[in-house]
Amino acid sequence: MLIVASVLFVVAVVVGGVAVAGMTGRLPRNRWAGVRTPDTLASEETFTLANRIAGPTLAAAALLLVIGGVGALALPTVGGLAVAAVAVVAALVTAGYGGAIGARAAAAAAPAGCGDACGCGHEATAPDATVSVCATESPADAAAAADCGTDSCGSCSLKGACLPH
């Protein structure tokens, strides 16, 4: 049970650190920690907003992990393992709930259209809303872009990967 409790305590410290960094706005945009959706990763502002909103639930998740670790140490083997398992599930649900709220806030704060900030080549208002700015050279290019998903601003994560070079 000492190993289970130790793992829970270490994970609680990591999650708590991310929570504090997110709540204070010091969590840098990255691919490993915090709320990471296309909307949150679109800009520093949306990433900071989402993680400030999700921070308190991450802190609650860290507290739940600490409670699970204490329960694992204090109770007999089967009871301690059960408390640890319930604490992990509760922490995942709590963190997921906060992340969903943060992601929704980031989506609401994101500007309409993708602009060219993501490097996909789209304009916020294309001359012809049915045709991508990236795929105006020929019908074959337009069909290829539609297959790749570059015919809308929702595919900025591709950053022109399907465009002819």
C-alpha atoms as a PDB file:
ATOM      1  CA  MET A   1       0.000   0.000   0.000  1.00  0.00           C
ATOM      2  CA  LEU A   2       2.983   2.272   0.522  1.00  0.00           C
ATOM      3  CA  ILE A   3       3.737   2.197  -3.194  1.00  0.00           C
ATOM      4  CA  VAL A   4       0.124   3.025  -4.144  1.00  0.00           C
ATOM      5  CA  ALA A   5       0.053   5.894  -1.659  1.00  0.00           C
ATOM      6  CA  SER A   6       3.413   7.203  -2.874  1.00  0.00           C
ATOM      7  CA  VAL A   7       2.266   7.187  -6.499  1.00  0.00           C
ATOM      8  CA  LEU A   8      -0.923   9.032  -5.547  1.00  0.00           C
ATOM      9  CA  PHE A   9       1.039  11.639  -3.593  1.00  0.00           C
ATOM     10  CA  VAL A  10       3.470  12.236  -6.485  1.00  0.00           C
ATOM     11  CA  VAL A  11       0.637  12.560  -9.005  1.00  0.00           C
ATOM     12  CA  ALA A  12      -1.177  14.901  -6.596  1.00  0.00           C
ATOM     13  CA  VAL A  13       1.882  17.157  -6.436  1.00  0.00           C
ATOM     14  CA  VAL A  14       2.149  17.270 -10.235  1.00  0.00           C
ATOM     15  CA  VAL A  15      -1.576  17.946 -10.713  1.00  0.00           C
ATOM     16  CA  GLY A  16      -1.486  20.532  -7.925  1.00  0.00           C
ATOM     17  CA  GLY A  17       1.467  22.264  -9.561  1.00  0.00           C
ATOM     18  CA  VAL A  18      -0.360  22.439 -12.884  1.00  0.00           C
ATOM     19  CA  ALA A  19      -3.443  23.753 -11.062  1.00  0.00           C
ATOM     20  CA  VAL A  20      -1.508  26.541  -9.341  1.00  0.00           C
ATOM     21  CA  ALA A  21       0.330  27.470 -12.533  1.00  0.00           C
ATOM     22  CA  GLY A  22      -2.958  27.517 -14.439  1.00  0.00           C
ATOM     23  CA  MET A  23      -4.797  29.617 -11.859  1.00  0.00           C
ATOM     24  CA  THR A  24      -1.995  32.166 -11.707  1.00  0.00           C
ATOM     25  CA  GLY A  25      -1.620  32.340 -15.493  1.00  0.00           C
ATOM     26  CA  ARG A  26       1.957  31.038 -15.380  1.00  0.00           C
ATOM     27  CA  LEU A  27       1.333  27.776 -17.200  1.00  0.00           C
ATOM     28  CA  PRO A  28       2.995  28.151 -20.605  1.00  0.00           C
ATOM     29  CA  ARG A  29       1.176  26.864 -23.675  1.00  0.00           C
ATOM     30  CA  ASN A  30       2.472  23.346 -24.176  1.00  0.00           C
ATOM     31  CA  ARG A  31       1.488  19.913 -25.399  1.00  0.00           C
ATOM     32  CA  TRP A  32       1.688  18.077 -22.073  1.00  0.00           C
ATOM     33  CA  ALA A  33      -0.091  19.888 -19.228  1.00  0.00           C
ATOM     34  CA  GLY A  34      -3.271  21.863 -18.874  1.00  0.00           C
ATOM     35  CA  VAL A  35      -6.355  22.090 -21.063  1.00  0.00           C
ATOM     36  CA  ARG A  36      -5.173  21.299 -24.595  1.00  0.00           C
ATOM     37  CA  THR A  37      -7.770  21.576 -27.317  1.00  0.00           C
ATOM     38  CA  PRO A  38      -7.471  23.223 -30.732  1.00  0.00           C
ATOM     39  CA  ASP A  39      -9.245  26.292 -29.317  1.00  0.00           C
ATOM     40  CA  THR A  40      -7.003  26.570 -26.260  1.00  0.00           C
ATOM     41  CA  LEU A  41      -3.812  26.026 -28.224  1.00  0.00           C
ATOM     42  CA  ALA A  42      -4.823  28.654 -30.798  1.00  0.00           C
ATOM     43  CA  SER A  43      -3.421  31.522 -28.716  1.00  0.00           C
ATOM     44  CA  GLU A  44      -1.793  32.328 -25.398  1.00  0.00           C
ATOM     45  CA  GLU A  45      -4.936  34.178 -24.298  1.00  0.00           C
ATOM     46  CA  THR A  46      -7.302  31.250 -24.816  1.00  0.00           C
ATOM     47  CA  PHE A  47      -4.847  28.805 -23.227  1.00  0.00           C
ATOM     48  CA  THR A  48      -4.482  31.035 -20.164  1.00  0.00           C
ATOM     49  CA  LEU A  49      -8.241  31.569 -19.898  1.00  0.00           C
ATOM     50  CA  ALA A  50      -9.063  27.869 -20.119  1.00  0.00           C
ATOM     51  CA  ASN A  51      -6.460  26.915 -17.535  1.00  0.00           C
ATOM     52  CA  ARG A  52      -7.482  29.675 -15.118  1.00  0.00           C
ATOM     53  CA  ILE A  53     -11.013  28.344 -15.266  1.00  0.00           C
ATOM     54  CA  ALA A  54      -9.938  24.686 -14.959  1.00  0.00           C
ATOM     55  CA  GLY A  55      -7.386  25.397 -12.211  1.00  0.00           C
ATOM     56  CA  PRO A  56      -9.723  25.084  -9.201  1.00  0.00           C
ATOM     57  CA  THR A  57     -11.037  21.714 -10.349  1.00  0.00           C
ATOM     58  CA  LEU A  58      -7.474  20.509 -10.911  1.00  0.00           C
ATOM     59  CA  ALA A  59      -6.672  21.590  -7.364  1.00  0.00           C
ATOM     60  CA  ALA A  60      -9.715  19.636  -6.154  1.00  0.00           C
ATOM     61  CA  ALA A  61      -8.496  16.617  -8.136  1.00  0.00           C
ATOM     62  CA  ALA A  62      -5.095  16.900  -6.445  1.00  0.00           C
ATOM     63  CA  LEU A  63      -6.815  17.010  -3.053  1.00  0.00           C
ATOM     64  CA  LEU A  64      -8.825  13.913  -3.940  1.00  0.00           C
ATOM     65  CA  LEU A  65      -5.589  12.108  -4.834  1.00  0.00           C
ATOM     66  CA  VAL A  66      -4.069  13.082  -1.486  1.00  0.00           C
ATOM     67  CA  ILE A  67      -7.175  11.751   0.281  1.00  0.00           C
ATOM     68  CA  GLY A  68      -6.813   8.511  -1.693  1.00  0.00           C
ATOM     69  CA  GLY A  69      -3.159   8.241  -0.650  1.00  0.00           C
ATOM     70  CA  VAL A  70      -3.991   8.806   2.999  1.00  0.00           C
ATOM     71  CA  GLY A  71      -6.800   6.252   2.747  1.00  0.00           C
ATOM     72  CA  ALA A  72      -4.424   3.740   1.180  1.00  0.00           C
ATOM     73  CA  LEU A  73      -2.039   4.164   4.108  1.00  0.00           C
ATOM     74  CA  ALA A  74      -4.650   4.242   6.882  1.00  0.00           C
ATOM     75  CA  LEU A  75      -6.940   1.390   5.909  1.00  0.00           C
ATOM     76  CA  PRO A  76      -6.306  -2.337   5.577  1.00  0.00           C
ATOM     77  CA  THR A  77      -5.149  -3.660   2.221  1.00  0.00           C
ATOM     78  CA  VAL A  78      -8.487  -4.162   0.435  1.00  0.00           C
ATOM     79  CA  GLY A  79     -10.124  -1.085   1.978  1.00  0.00           C
ATOM     80  CA  GLY A  80      -7.116   1.110   1.247  1.00  0.00           C
ATOM     81  CA  LEU A  81      -6.987  -0.062  -2.349  1.00  0.00           C
ATOM     82  CA  ALA A  82     -10.709   0.629  -2.743  1.00  0.00           C
ATOM     83  CA  VAL A  83     -10.330   4.155  -1.354  1.00  0.00           C
ATOM     84  CA  ALA A  84      -7.384   4.783  -3.677  1.00  0.00           C
ATOM     85  CA  ALA A  85      -9.333   3.534  -6.711  1.00  0.00           C
ATOM     86  CA  VAL A  86     -12.383   5.663  -5.866  1.00  0.00           C
ATOM     87  CA  ALA A  87     -10.135   8.685  -5.333  1.00  0.00           C
ATOM     88  CA  VAL A  88      -8.452   8.220  -8.732  1.00  0.00           C
ATOM     89  CA  VAL A  89     -11.803   7.916 -10.519  1.00  0.00           C
ATOM     90  CA  ALA A  90     -13.193  10.946  -8.665  1.00  0.00           C
ATOM     91  CA  ALA A  91     -10.051  12.959  -9.480  1.00  0.00           C
ATOM     92  CA  LEU A  92     -10.297  12.070 -13.181  1.00  0.00           C
ATOM     93  CA  VAL A  93     -13.976  13.054 -13.304  1.00  0.00           C
ATOM     94  CA  THR A  94     -13.296  16.306 -11.449  1.00  0.00           C
ATOM     95  CA  ALA A  95     -10.349  17.253 -13.659  1.00  0.00           C
ATOM     96  CA  GLY A  96     -12.286  16.312 -16.790  1.00  0.00           C
ATOM     97  CA  TYR A  97     -15.235  18.453 -15.741  1.00  0.00           C
ATOM     98  CA  GLY A  98     -13.000  21.476 -15.182  1.00  0.00           C
ATOM     99  CA  GLY A  99     -11.204  20.874 -18.448  1.00  0.00           C
ATOM    100  CA  ALA A 100     -14.507  20.755 -20.319  1.00  0.00           C
ATOM    101  CA  ILE A 101     -15.610  24.049 -18.772  1.00  0.00           C
ATOM    102  CA  GLY A 102     -12.247  25.628 -19.618  1.00  0.00           C
ATOM    103  CA  ALA A 103     -12.400  24.325 -23.184  1.00  0.00           C
ATOM    104  CA  ARG A 104     -15.891  25.778 -23.636  1.00  0.00           C
ATOM    105  CA  ALA A 105     -14.717  29.148 -22.349  1.00  0.00           C
ATOM    106  CA  ALA A 106     -11.776  29.097 -24.751  1.00  0.00           C
ATOM    107  CA  ALA A 107     -14.057  28.178 -27.655  1.00  0.00           C
ATOM    108  CA  ALA A 108     -16.368  31.067 -26.780  1.00  0.00           C
ATOM    109  CA  ALA A 109     -13.429  33.479 -26.523  1.00  0.00           C
ATOM    110  CA  ALA A 110     -11.812  32.362 -29.779  1.00  0.00           C
ATOM    111  CA  PRO A 111     -12.247  34.856 -32.623  1.00  0.00           C
ATOM    112  CA  ALA A 112     -14.620  34.004 -35.454  1.00  0.00           C
ATOM    113  CA  GLY A 113     -12.747  32.444 -38.356  1.00  0.00           C
ATOM    114  CA  CYS A 114      -9.212  31.259 -38.020  1.00  0.00           C
ATOM    115  CA  GLY A 115      -7.506  34.180 -39.705  1.00  0.00           C
ATOM    116  CA  ASP A 116      -3.983  33.311 -40.710  1.00  0.00           C
ATOM    117  CA  ALA A 117      -2.657  33.117 -37.149  1.00  0.00           C
ATOM    118  CA  CYS A 118      -2.477  29.349 -37.410  1.00  0.00           C
ATOM    119  CA  GLY A 119      -0.605  29.478 -40.700  1.00  0.00           C
ATOM    120  CA  CYS A 120      -3.233  27.560 -42.666  1.00  0.00           C
ATOM    121  CA  GLY A 121      -3.651  30.334 -45.239  1.00  0.00           C
ATOM    122  CA  HIS A 122      -7.341  30.934 -44.609  1.00  0.00           C
ATOM    123  CA  GLU A 123      -8.711  34.389 -44.240  1.00  0.00           C
ATOM    124  CA  ALA A 124     -11.358  35.125 -41.618  1.00  0.00           C
ATOM    125  CA  THR A 125     -13.726  36.075 -44.447  1.00  0.00           C
ATOM    126  CA  ALA A 126     -12.917  34.338 -47.711  1.00  0.00           C
ATOM    127  CA  PRO A 127     -14.069  36.044 -50.921  1.00  0.00           C
ATOM    128  CA  ASP A 128     -16.262  33.017 -51.643  1.00  0.00           C
ATOM    129  CA  ALA A 129     -17.355  31.370 -48.408  1.00  0.00           C
ATOM    130  CA  THR A 130     -17.758  27.983 -50.109  1.00  0.00           C
ATOM    131  CA  VAL A 131     -14.181  27.841 -51.418  1.00  0.00           C
ATOM    132  CA  SER A 132     -11.077  27.859 -49.312  1.00  0.00           C
ATOM    133  CA  VAL A 133      -8.532  30.568 -49.978  1.00  0.00           C
ATOM    134  CA  CYS A 134      -5.980  27.755 -49.857  1.00  0.00           C
ATOM    135  CA  ALA A 135      -7.635  25.771 -52.643  1.00  0.00           C
ATOM    136  CA  THR A 136      -8.517  28.242 -55.395  1.00  0.00           C
ATOM    137  CA  GLU A 137      -6.048  27.150 -58.088  1.00  0.00           C
ATOM    138  CA  SER A 138      -7.987  24.366 -59.794  1.00  0.00           C
ATOM    139  CA  PRO A 139     -10.981  22.052 -59.235  1.00  0.00           C
ATOM    140  CA  ALA A 140      -8.559  19.175 -58.542  1.00  0.00           C
ATOM    141  CA  ASP A 141      -6.796  21.224 -55.876  1.00  0.00           C
ATOM    142  CA  ALA A 142     -10.163  22.169 -54.382  1.00  0.00           C
ATOM    143  CA  ALA A 143     -11.218  18.498 -54.263  1.00  0.00           C
ATOM    144  CA  ALA A 144      -7.918  17.524 -52.629  1.00  0.00           C
ATOM    145  CA  ALA A 145      -8.299  20.305 -50.089  1.00  0.00           C
ATOM    146  CA  ALA A 146     -11.857  19.168 -49.312  1.00  0.00           C
ATOM    147  CA  ASP A 147     -10.578  15.619 -48.800  1.00  0.00           C
ATOM    148  CA  CYS A 148      -7.884  16.887 -46.459  1.00  0.00           C
ATOM    149  CA  GLY A 149     -10.270  19.108 -44.563  1.00  0.00           C
ATOM    150  CA  THR A 150      -8.542  22.343 -45.523  1.00  0.00           C
ATOM    151  CA  ASP A 151     -11.748  23.752 -46.982  1.00  0.00           C
ATOM    152  CA  SER A 152     -12.750  25.229 -43.623  1.00  0.00           C
ATOM    153  CA  CYS A 153     -11.093  27.085 -40.785  1.00  0.00           C
ATOM    154  CA  GLY A 154     -11.746  24.143 -38.481  1.00  0.00           C
ATOM    155  CA  SER A 155      -8.742  22.379 -39.958  1.00  0.00           C
ATOM    156  CA  CYS A 156      -6.065  24.908 -39.067  1.00  0.00           C
ATOM    157  CA  SER A 157      -4.196  22.231 -37.170  1.00  0.00           C
ATOM    158  CA  LEU A 158      -3.093  20.886 -40.561  1.00  0.00           C
ATOM    159  CA  LYS A 159      -1.249  24.159 -41.218  1.00  0.00           C
ATOM    160  CA  GLY A 160      -1.288  23.581 -44.959  1.00  0.00           C
ATOM    161  CA  ALA A 161       0.051  20.030 -44.811  1.00  0.00           C
ATOM    162  CA  CYS A 162      -2.200  19.004 -47.725  1.00  0.00           C
ATOM    163  CA  LEU A 163      -1.576  22.023 -49.907  1.00  0.00           C
ATOM    164  CA  PRO A 164       0.475  21.745 -53.088  1.00  0.00           C
ATOM    165  CA  HIS A 165       4.057  22.905 -52.583  1.00  0.00           C
END
